[in-house]
């Protein structure tokens, strides 16, 4: 979850549980019932799960790309070693 989502979640939950900023100080605070925030919490949980799943999908894709590039690099190094060995063999035959 990115920081923006976390900040938004905190603000929304705080706003849901606390009286509004314009509430009179002298009056007793009107507390929100426990069920009042359930829908918002459920929505935020769903959003968090979606973001987490997307991040995991992106990480798996990046890992696959990294592994493919590593294999390709290893293959290129092998080809390079083969070429260098062949050139070295030709040089020693020429002497």
PDB file of N, CA and C in Angstrom:
ATOM      1  N   UNK A   1       0.857  -1.168   0.000  1.00  0.00           N
ATOM      2  CA  UNK A   1       0.000   0.000   0.000  1.00  0.00           C
ATOM      3  C   UNK A   1       0.901   1.227   0.000  1.00  0.00           C
ATOM      4  N   UNK A   2       0.589   2.167  -0.845  1.00  0.00           N
ATOM      5  CA  UNK A   2       1.439   3.345  -0.882  1.00  0.00           C
ATOM      6  C   UNK A   2       1.060   4.311   0.229  1.00  0.00           C
ATOM      7  N   UNK A   3       1.903   5.286   0.449  1.00  0.00           N
ATOM      8  CA  UNK A   3       1.706   6.207   1.572  1.00  0.00           C
ATOM      9  C   UNK A   3       0.445   7.036   1.422  1.00  0.00           C
ATOM     10  N   UNK A   4       0.107   7.385   0.199  1.00  0.00           N
ATOM     11  CA  UNK A   4      -1.092   8.179  -0.026  1.00  0.00           C
ATOM     12  C   UNK A   4      -2.334   7.406   0.396  1.00  0.00           C
ATOM     13  N   UNK A   5      -2.401   6.134   0.018  1.00  0.00           N
ATOM     14  CA  UNK A   5      -3.548   5.318   0.406  1.00  0.00           C
ATOM     15  C   UNK A   5      -3.622   5.176   1.916  1.00  0.00           C
ATOM     16  N   UNK A   6      -2.474   4.993   2.545  1.00  0.00           N
ATOM     17  CA  UNK A   6      -2.446   4.860   4.001  1.00  0.00           C
ATOM     18  C   UNK A   6      -2.923   6.145   4.656  1.00  0.00           C
ATOM     19  N   UNK A   7      -2.461   7.265   4.157  1.00  0.00           N
ATOM     20  CA  UNK A   7      -2.881   8.557   4.714  1.00  0.00           C
ATOM     21  C   UNK A   7      -4.365   8.791   4.542  1.00  0.00           C
ATOM     22  N   UNK A   8      -4.875   8.461   3.375  1.00  0.00           N
ATOM     23  CA  UNK A   8      -6.305   8.620   3.119  1.00  0.00           C
ATOM     24  C   UNK A   8      -7.110   7.720   4.045  1.00  0.00           C
ATOM     25  N   UNK A   9      -6.649   6.483   4.225  1.00  0.00           N
ATOM     26  CA  UNK A   9      -7.360   5.555   5.103  1.00  0.00           C
ATOM     27  C   UNK A   9      -7.404   6.083   6.528  1.00  0.00           C
ATOM     28  N   UNK A  10      -6.285   6.607   7.003  1.00  0.00           N
ATOM     29  CA  UNK A  10      -6.239   7.144   8.365  1.00  0.00           C
ATOM     30  C   UNK A  10      -7.185   8.320   8.494  1.00  0.00           C
ATOM     31  N   UNK A  11      -7.157   9.226   7.522  1.00  0.00           N
ATOM     32  CA  UNK A  11      -8.035  10.391   7.596  1.00  0.00           C
ATOM     33  C   UNK A  11      -9.506   9.999   7.545  1.00  0.00           C
ATOM     34  N   UNK A  12      -9.837   9.062   6.674  1.00  0.00           N
ATOM     35  CA  UNK A  12     -11.221   8.638   6.577  1.00  0.00           C
ATOM     36  C   UNK A  12     -11.687   7.945   7.851  1.00  0.00           C
ATOM     37  N   UNK A  13     -10.864   7.074   8.385  1.00  0.00           N
ATOM     38  CA  UNK A  13     -11.240   6.384   9.615  1.00  0.00           C
ATOM     39  C   UNK A  13     -11.305   7.352  10.785  1.00  0.00           C
ATOM     40  N   UNK A  14     -10.380   8.279  10.858  1.00  0.00           N
ATOM     41  CA  UNK A  14     -10.396   9.263  11.930  1.00  0.00           C
ATOM     42  C   UNK A  14     -11.646  10.130  11.822  1.00  0.00           C
ATOM     43  N   UNK A  15     -11.965  10.521  10.595  1.00  0.00           N
ATOM     44  CA  UNK A  15     -13.146  11.353  10.376  1.00  0.00           C
ATOM     45  C   UNK A  15     -14.424  10.604  10.655  1.00  0.00           C
ATOM     46  N   UNK A  16     -14.407   9.311  10.459  1.00  0.00           N
ATOM     47  CA  UNK A  16     -15.599   8.514  10.691  1.00  0.00           C
ATOM     48  C   UNK A  16     -15.848   8.324  12.184  1.00  0.00           C
ATOM     49  N   UNK A  17     -14.774   8.206  12.959  1.00  0.00           N
ATOM     50  CA  UNK A  17     -14.919   7.910  14.382  1.00  0.00           C
ATOM     51  C   UNK A  17     -14.956   9.164  15.242  1.00  0.00           C
ATOM     52  N   UNK A  18     -14.413  10.256  14.753  1.00  0.00           N
ATOM     53  CA  UNK A  18     -14.328  11.471  15.561  1.00  0.00           C
ATOM     54  C   UNK A  18     -15.402  12.461  15.135  1.00  0.00           C
ATOM     55  N   UNK A  19     -15.789  13.351  16.057  1.00  0.00           N
ATOM     56  CA  UNK A  19     -16.746  14.398  15.667  1.00  0.00           C
ATOM     57  C   UNK A  19     -16.099  15.348  14.675  1.00  0.00           C
ATOM     58  N   UNK A  20     -16.893  16.012  13.901  1.00  0.00           N
ATOM     59  CA  UNK A  20     -16.376  16.912  12.886  1.00  0.00           C
ATOM     60  C   UNK A  20     -15.585  18.057  13.483  1.00  0.00           C
ATOM     61  N   UNK A  21     -14.720  18.700  12.683  1.00  0.00           N
ATOM     62  CA  UNK A  21     -13.880  19.780  13.196  1.00  0.00           C
ATOM     63  C   UNK A  21     -14.694  21.007  13.586  1.00  0.00           C
ATOM     64  N   UNK A  22     -15.897  21.119  13.089  1.00  0.00           N
ATOM     65  CA  UNK A  22     -16.727  22.279  13.400  1.00  0.00           C
ATOM     66  C   UNK A  22     -17.695  22.008  14.543  1.00  0.00           C
ATOM     67  N   UNK A  23     -17.574  20.845  15.178  1.00  0.00           N
ATOM     68  CA  UNK A  23     -18.468  20.521  16.286  1.00  0.00           C
ATOM     69  C   UNK A  23     -18.175  21.443  17.457  1.00  0.00           C
ATOM     70  N   UNK A  24     -19.228  21.934  18.135  1.00  0.00           N
ATOM     71  CA  UNK A  24     -19.003  22.832  19.279  1.00  0.00           C
ATOM     72  C   UNK A  24     -18.228  22.113  20.383  1.00  0.00           C
ATOM     73  N   UNK A  25     -17.326  22.831  21.005  1.00  0.00           N
ATOM     74  CA  UNK A  25     -16.483  22.259  22.035  1.00  0.00           C
ATOM     75  C   UNK A  25     -17.269  22.031  23.313  1.00  0.00           C
ATOM     76  N   UNK A  26     -18.223  22.913  23.636  1.00  0.00           N
ATOM     77  CA  UNK A  26     -18.958  22.846  24.892  1.00  0.00           C
ATOM     78  C   UNK A  26     -19.928  21.666  24.925  1.00  0.00           C
ATOM     79  N   UNK A  27     -20.424  21.243  23.773  1.00  0.00           N
ATOM     80  CA  UNK A  27     -21.401  20.162  23.768  1.00  0.00           C
ATOM     81  C   UNK A  27     -20.702  18.819  23.891  1.00  0.00           C
ATOM     82  N   UNK A  28     -21.419  17.811  24.307  1.00  0.00           N
ATOM     83  CA  UNK A  28     -20.865  16.468  24.418  1.00  0.00           C
ATOM     84  C   UNK A  28     -20.604  15.948  23.014  1.00  0.00           C
ATOM     85  N   UNK A  29     -19.459  15.303  22.802  1.00  0.00           N
ATOM     86  CA  UNK A  29     -19.157  14.811  21.455  1.00  0.00           C
ATOM     87  C   UNK A  29     -20.141  13.721  21.047  1.00  0.00           C
ATOM     88  N   UNK A  30     -20.606  13.818  19.818  1.00  0.00           N
ATOM     89  CA  UNK A  30     -21.530  12.820  19.285  1.00  0.00           C
ATOM     90  C   UNK A  30     -20.687  11.683  18.735  1.00  0.00           C
ATOM     91  N   UNK A  31     -20.620  10.574  19.446  1.00  0.00           N
ATOM     92  CA  UNK A  31     -19.810   9.453  19.008  1.00  0.00           C
ATOM     93  C   UNK A  31     -20.550   8.650  17.955  1.00  0.00           C
ATOM     94  N   UNK A  32     -19.812   8.253  16.937  1.00  0.00           N
ATOM     95  CA  UNK A  32     -20.390   7.445  15.876  1.00  0.00           C
ATOM     96  C   UNK A  32     -20.538   6.017  16.389  1.00  0.00           C
ATOM     97  N   UNK A  33     -21.650   5.361  16.105  1.00  0.00           N
ATOM     98  CA  UNK A  33     -21.789   3.968  16.519  1.00  0.00           C
ATOM     99  C   UNK A  33     -20.746   3.105  15.810  1.00  0.00           C
ATOM    100  N   UNK A  34     -20.437   1.969  16.389  1.00  0.00           N
ATOM    101  CA  UNK A  34     -19.402   1.097  15.849  1.00  0.00           C
ATOM    102  C   UNK A  34     -19.716   0.633  14.431  1.00  0.00           C
ATOM    103  N   UNK A  35     -20.990   0.490  14.095  1.00  0.00           N
ATOM    104  CA  UNK A  35     -21.377   0.009  12.767  1.00  0.00           C
ATOM    105  C   UNK A  35     -21.278   1.084  11.688  1.00  0.00           C
ATOM    106  N   UNK A  36     -21.160   2.339  12.088  1.00  0.00           N
ATOM    107  CA  UNK A  36     -21.184   3.436  11.119  1.00  0.00           C
ATOM    108  C   UNK A  36     -19.986   3.382  10.167  1.00  0.00           C
ATOM    109  N   UNK A  37     -18.869   2.857  10.621  1.00  0.00           N
ATOM    110  CA  UNK A  37     -17.659   2.855   9.790  1.00  0.00           C
ATOM    111  C   UNK A  37     -17.423   1.519   9.087  1.00  0.00           C
ATOM    112  N   UNK A  38     -18.230   0.527   9.325  1.00  0.00           N
ATOM    113  CA  UNK A  38     -17.980  -0.798   8.762  1.00  0.00           C
ATOM    114  C   UNK A  38     -17.923  -0.786   7.241  1.00  0.00           C
ATOM    115  N   UNK A  39     -18.822  -0.047   6.613  1.00  0.00           N
ATOM    116  CA  UNK A  39     -18.834  -0.004   5.145  1.00  0.00           C
ATOM    117  C   UNK A  39     -17.552   0.636   4.624  1.00  0.00           C
ATOM    118  N   UNK A  40     -17.125   1.712   5.285  1.00  0.00           N
ATOM    119  CA  UNK A  40     -15.896   2.391   4.856  1.00  0.00           C
ATOM    120  C   UNK A  40     -14.682   1.500   5.082  1.00  0.00           C
ATOM    121  N   UNK A  41     -14.632   0.814   6.208  1.00  0.00           N
ATOM    122  CA  UNK A  41     -13.526  -0.098   6.490  1.00  0.00           C
ATOM    123  C   UNK A  41     -13.510  -1.234   5.469  1.00  0.00           C
ATOM    124  N   UNK A  42     -14.678  -1.762   5.140  1.00  0.00           N
ATOM    125  CA  UNK A  42     -14.758  -2.840   4.144  1.00  0.00           C
ATOM    126  C   UNK A  42     -14.279  -2.348   2.780  1.00  0.00           C
ATOM    127  N   UNK A  43     -14.663  -1.131   2.408  1.00  0.00           N
ATOM    128  CA  UNK A  43     -14.230  -0.554   1.133  1.00  0.00           C
ATOM    129  C   UNK A  43     -12.722  -0.362   1.112  1.00  0.00           C
ATOM    130  N   UNK A  44     -12.174   0.151   2.216  1.00  0.00           N
ATOM    131  CA  UNK A  44     -10.732   0.353   2.294  1.00  0.00           C
ATOM    132  C   UNK A  44      -9.977  -0.972   2.301  1.00  0.00           C
ATOM    133  N   UNK A  45     -10.533  -1.988   2.958  1.00  0.00           N
ATOM    134  CA  UNK A  45      -9.916  -3.320   2.933  1.00  0.00           C
ATOM    135  C   UNK A  45      -9.883  -3.874   1.516  1.00  0.00           C
ATOM    136  N   UNK A  46     -10.987  -3.705   0.786  1.00  0.00           N
ATOM    137  CA  UNK A  46     -11.040  -4.181  -0.594  1.00  0.00           C
ATOM    138  C   UNK A  46     -10.013  -3.442  -1.450  1.00  0.00           C
ATOM    139  N   UNK A  47      -9.891  -2.141  -1.239  1.00  0.00           N
ATOM    140  CA  UNK A  47      -8.912  -1.341  -1.978  1.00  0.00           C
ATOM    141  C   UNK A  47      -7.491  -1.799  -1.651  1.00  0.00           C
ATOM    142  N   UNK A  48      -7.227  -2.035  -0.380  1.00  0.00           N
ATOM    143  CA  UNK A  48      -5.914  -2.507   0.040  1.00  0.00           C
ATOM    144  C   UNK A  48      -5.602  -3.870  -0.568  1.00  0.00           C
ATOM    145  N   UNK A  49      -6.556  -4.776  -0.556  1.00  0.00           N
ATOM    146  CA  UNK A  49      -6.352  -6.098  -1.146  1.00  0.00           C
ATOM    147  C   UNK A  49      -6.081  -5.999  -2.642  1.00  0.00           C
ATOM    148  N   UNK A  50      -6.814  -5.116  -3.324  1.00  0.00           N
ATOM    149  CA  UNK A  50      -6.609  -4.945  -4.762  1.00  0.00           C
ATOM    150  C   UNK A  50      -5.213  -4.388  -5.043  1.00  0.00           C
ATOM    151  N   UNK A  51      -4.795  -3.397  -4.266  1.00  0.00           N
ATOM    152  CA  UNK A  51      -3.465  -2.814  -4.466  1.00  0.00           C
ATOM    153  C   UNK A  51      -2.373  -3.826  -4.152  1.00  0.00           C
ATOM    154  N   UNK A  52      -2.569  -4.613  -3.116  1.00  0.00           N
ATOM    155  CA  UNK A  52      -1.593  -5.635  -2.750  1.00  0.00           C
ATOM    156  C   UNK A  52      -1.476  -6.686  -3.843  1.00  0.00           C
ATOM    157  N   UNK A  53      -2.618  -7.135  -4.354  1.00  0.00           N
ATOM    158  CA  UNK A  53      -2.610  -8.131  -5.434  1.00  0.00           C
ATOM    159  C   UNK A  53      -1.924  -7.580  -6.681  1.00  0.00           C
ATOM    160  N   UNK A  54      -2.182  -6.328  -6.997  1.00  0.00           N
ATOM    161  CA  UNK A  54      -1.554  -5.706  -8.173  1.00  0.00           C
ATOM    162  C   UNK A  54      -0.042  -5.594  -7.986  1.00  0.00           C
ATOM    163  N   UNK A  55       0.372  -5.195  -6.784  1.00  0.00           N
ATOM    164  CA  UNK A  55       1.809  -5.077  -6.507  1.00  0.00           C
ATOM    165  C   UNK A  55       2.487  -6.442  -6.590  1.00  0.00           C
ATOM    166  N   UNK A  56       1.835  -7.484  -6.060  1.00  0.00           N
ATOM    167  CA  UNK A  56       2.408  -8.824  -6.134  1.00  0.00           C
ATOM    168  C   UNK A  56       2.501  -9.293  -7.585  1.00  0.00           C
ATOM    169  N   UNK A  57       1.481  -8.991  -8.387  1.00  0.00           N
ATOM    170  CA  UNK A  57       1.506  -9.362  -9.800  1.00  0.00           C
ATOM    171  C   UNK A  57       2.656  -8.666 -10.513  1.00  0.00           C
ATOM    172  N   UNK A  58       2.846  -7.376 -10.226  1.00  0.00           N
ATOM    173  CA  UNK A  58       3.938  -6.626 -10.847  1.00  0.00           C
ATOM    174  C   UNK A  58       5.303  -7.161 -10.406  1.00  0.00           C
ATOM    175  N   UNK A  59       5.416  -7.538  -9.145  1.00  0.00           N
ATOM    176  CA  UNK A  59       6.680  -8.086  -8.650  1.00  0.00           C
ATOM    177  C   UNK A  59       6.995  -9.426  -9.304  1.00  0.00           C
ATOM    178  N   UNK A  60       5.980 -10.271  -9.483  1.00  0.00           N
ATOM    179  CA  UNK A  60       6.206 -11.557 -10.155  1.00  0.00           C
ATOM    180  C   UNK A  60       6.622 -11.332 -11.601  1.00  0.00           C
ATOM    181  N   UNK A  61       5.968 -10.391 -12.280  1.00  0.00           N
ATOM    182  CA  UNK A  61       6.315 -10.102 -13.676  1.00  0.00           C
ATOM    183  C   UNK A  61       7.744  -9.561 -13.766  1.00  0.00           C
ATOM    184  N   UNK A  62       8.117  -8.683 -12.842  1.00  0.00           N
ATOM    185  CA  UNK A  62       9.471  -8.130 -12.845  1.00  0.00           C
ATOM    186  C   UNK A  62      10.489  -9.235 -12.578  1.00  0.00           C
ATOM    187  N   UNK A  63      10.169 -10.152 -11.686  1.00  0.00           N
ATOM    188  CA  UNK A  63      11.077 -11.266 -11.394  1.00  0.00           C
ATOM    189  C   UNK A  63      11.261 -12.156 -12.619  1.00  0.00           C
ATOM    190  N   UNK A  64      10.162 -12.409 -13.333  1.00  0.00           N
ATOM    191  CA  UNK A  64      10.261 -13.221 -14.553  1.00  0.00           C
ATOM    192  C   UNK A  64      11.129 -12.525 -15.593  1.00  0.00           C
ATOM    193  N   UNK A  65      10.930 -11.218 -15.764  1.00  0.00           N
ATOM    194  CA  UNK A  65      11.753 -10.468 -16.731  1.00  0.00           C
ATOM    195  C   UNK A  65      13.222 -10.481 -16.317  1.00  0.00           C
ATOM    196  N   UNK A  66      13.480 -10.296 -15.036  1.00  0.00           N
ATOM    197  CA  UNK A  66      14.853 -10.297 -14.539  1.00  0.00           C
ATOM    198  C   UNK A  66      15.517 -11.654 -14.784  1.00  0.00           C
ATOM    199  N   UNK A  67      14.798 -12.726 -14.519  1.00  0.00           N
ATOM    200  CA  UNK A  67      15.355 -14.063 -14.731  1.00  0.00           C
ATOM    201  C   UNK A  67      15.616 -14.312 -16.219  1.00  0.00           C
ATOM    202  N   UNK A  68      14.707 -13.876 -17.081  1.00  0.00           N
ATOM    203  CA  UNK A  68      14.898 -14.048 -18.528  1.00  0.00           C
ATOM    204  C   UNK A  68      16.122 -13.267 -19.001  1.00  0.00           C
ATOM    205  N   UNK A  69      16.280 -12.046 -18.496  1.00  0.00           N
ATOM    206  CA  UNK A  69      17.449 -11.242 -18.874  1.00  0.00           C
ATOM    207  C   UNK A  69      18.735 -11.865 -18.342  1.00  0.00           C
ATOM    208  N   UNK A  70      18.678 -12.426 -17.143  1.00  0.00           N
ATOM    209  CA  UNK A  70      19.863 -13.083 -16.583  1.00  0.00           C
ATOM    210  C   UNK A  70      20.270 -14.284 -17.437  1.00  0.00           C
ATOM    211  N   UNK A  71      19.273 -15.082 -17.853  1.00  0.00           N
ATOM    212  CA  UNK A  71      19.578 -16.233 -18.719  1.00  0.00           C
ATOM    213  C   UNK A  71      20.161 -15.771 -20.046  1.00  0.00           C
ATOM    214  N   UNK A  72      19.591 -14.702 -20.598  1.00  0.00           N
ATOM    215  CA  UNK A  72      20.079 -14.178 -21.875  1.00  0.00           C
ATOM    216  C   UNK A  72      21.516 -13.676 -21.727  1.00  0.00           C
ATOM    217  N   UNK A  73      21.810 -12.998 -20.623  1.00  0.00           N
ATOM    218  CA  UNK A  73      23.165 -12.513 -20.381  1.00  0.00           C
ATOM    219  C   UNK A  73      24.138 -13.679 -20.229  1.00  0.00           C
ATOM    220  N   UNK A  74      23.731 -14.708 -19.494  1.00  0.00           N
ATOM    221  CA  UNK A  74      24.582 -15.888 -19.345  1.00  0.00           C
ATOM    222  C   UNK A  74      24.864 -16.540 -20.695  1.00  0.00           C
ATOM    223  N   UNK A  75      23.846 -16.612 -21.550  1.00  0.00           N
ATOM    224  CA  UNK A  75      24.031 -17.190 -22.881  1.00  0.00           C
ATOM    225  C   UNK A  75      25.001 -16.348 -23.700  1.00  0.00           C
ATOM    226  N   UNK A  76      24.877 -15.025 -23.609  1.00  0.00           N
ATOM    227  CA  UNK A  76      25.786 -14.148 -24.354  1.00  0.00           C
ATOM    228  C   UNK A  76      27.219 -14.280 -23.848  1.00  0.00           C
ATOM    229  N   UNK A  77      27.388 -14.414 -22.527  1.00  0.00           N
ATOM    230  CA  UNK A  77      28.733 -14.602 -21.973  1.00  0.00           C
ATOM    231  C   UNK A  77      29.329 -15.916 -22.446  1.00  0.00           C
ATOM    232  N   UNK A  78      28.501 -16.936 -22.529  1.00  0.00           N
ATOM    233  CA  UNK A  78      28.970 -18.237 -23.005  1.00  0.00           C
ATOM    234  C   UNK A  78      29.419 -18.143 -24.454  1.00  0.00           C
ATOM    235  N   UNK A  79      28.628 -17.450 -25.255  1.00  0.00           N
ATOM    236  CA  UNK A  79      28.992 -17.258 -26.664  1.00  0.00           C
ATOM    237  C   UNK A  79      30.300 -16.476 -26.752  1.00  0.00           C
ATOM    238  N   UNK A  80      30.430 -15.436 -25.938  1.00  0.00           N
ATOM    239  CA  UNK A  80      31.650 -14.628 -25.947  1.00  0.00           C
ATOM    240  C   UNK A  80      32.863 -15.483 -25.560  1.00  0.00           C
ATOM    241  N   UNK A  81      32.721 -16.317 -24.514  1.00  0.00           N
ATOM    242  CA  UNK A  81      33.822 -17.193 -24.109  1.00  0.00           C
ATOM    243  C   UNK A  81      34.194 -18.151 -25.245  1.00  0.00           C
ATOM    244  N   UNK A  82      33.177 -18.663 -25.922  1.00  0.00           N
ATOM    245  CA  UNK A  82      33.445 -19.558 -27.049  1.00  0.00           C
ATOM    246  C   UNK A  82      34.210 -18.859 -28.150  1.00  0.00           C
ATOM    247  N   UNK A  83      33.821 -17.640 -28.467  1.00  0.00           N
ATOM    248  CA  UNK A  83      34.515 -16.871 -29.511  1.00  0.00           C
ATOM    249  C   UNK A  83      35.945 -16.579 -29.088  1.00  0.00           C
ATOM    250  N   UNK A  84      36.147 -16.159 -27.831  1.00  0.00           N
ATOM    251  CA  UNK A  84      37.498 -15.860 -27.343  1.00  0.00           C
ATOM    252  C   UNK A  84      38.369 -17.112 -27.342  1.00  0.00           C
ATOM    253  N   UNK A  85      37.798 -18.240 -26.920  1.00  0.00           N
ATOM    254  CA  UNK A  85      38.563 -19.496 -26.928  1.00  0.00           C
ATOM    255  C   UNK A  85      38.942 -19.891 -28.350  1.00  0.00           C
ATOM    256  N   UNK A  86      38.019 -19.707 -29.287  1.00  0.00           N
ATOM    257  CA  UNK A  86      38.299 -20.046 -30.683  1.00  0.00           C
ATOM    258  C   UNK A  86      39.399 -19.148 -31.233  1.00  0.00           C
ATOM    259  N   UNK A  87      39.315 -17.844 -30.920  1.00  0.00           N
ATOM    260  CA  UNK A  87      40.343 -16.906 -31.382  1.00  0.00           C
ATOM    261  C   UNK A  87      41.698 -17.240 -30.761  1.00  0.00           C
ATOM    262  N   UNK A  88      41.687 -17.610 -29.501  1.00  0.00           N
ATOM    263  CA  UNK A  88      42.941 -17.993 -28.822  1.00  0.00           C
ATOM    264  C   UNK A  88      43.536 -19.244 -29.468  1.00  0.00           C
ATOM    265  N   UNK A  89      42.679 -20.187 -29.833  1.00  0.00           N
ATOM    266  CA  UNK A  89      43.150 -21.398 -30.514  1.00  0.00           C
ATOM    267  C   UNK A  89      43.754 -21.079 -31.872  1.00  0.00           C
ATOM    268  N   UNK A  90      43.162 -20.152 -32.610  1.00  0.00           N
ATOM    269  CA  UNK A  90      43.700 -19.763 -33.914  1.00  0.00           C
ATOM    270  C   UNK A  90      45.044 -19.065 -33.764  1.00  0.00           C
ATOM    271  N   UNK A  91      45.191 -18.252 -32.699  1.00  0.00           N
ATOM    272  CA  UNK A  91      46.456 -17.554 -32.474  1.00  0.00           C
ATOM    273  C   UNK A  91      47.577 -18.535 -32.140  1.00  0.00           C
ATOM    274  N   UNK A  92      47.269 -19.535 -31.341  1.00  0.00           N
ATOM    275  CA  UNK A  92      48.313 -20.490 -30.963  1.00  0.00           C
ATOM    276  C   UNK A  92      48.682 -21.392 -32.144  1.00  0.00           C
ATOM    277  N   UNK A  93      47.771 -21.661 -33.079  1.00  0.00           N
ATOM    278  CA  UNK A  93      48.083 -22.452 -34.261  1.00  0.00           C
ATOM    279  C   UNK A  93      48.950 -21.660 -35.217  1.00  0.00           C
ATOM    280  N   UNK A  94      48.734 -20.336 -35.283  1.00  0.00           N
ATOM    281  CA  UNK A  94      49.495 -19.484 -36.186  1.00  0.00           C
ATOM    282  C   UNK A  94      50.939 -19.365 -35.757  1.00  0.00           C
ATOM    283  N   UNK A  95      51.257 -19.572 -34.525  1.00  0.00           N
ATOM    284  CA  UNK A  95      52.649 -19.441 -34.031  1.00  0.00           C
ATOM    285  C   UNK A  95      53.433 -20.598 -34.411  1.00  0.00           C
TER     286      UNK A  95
END
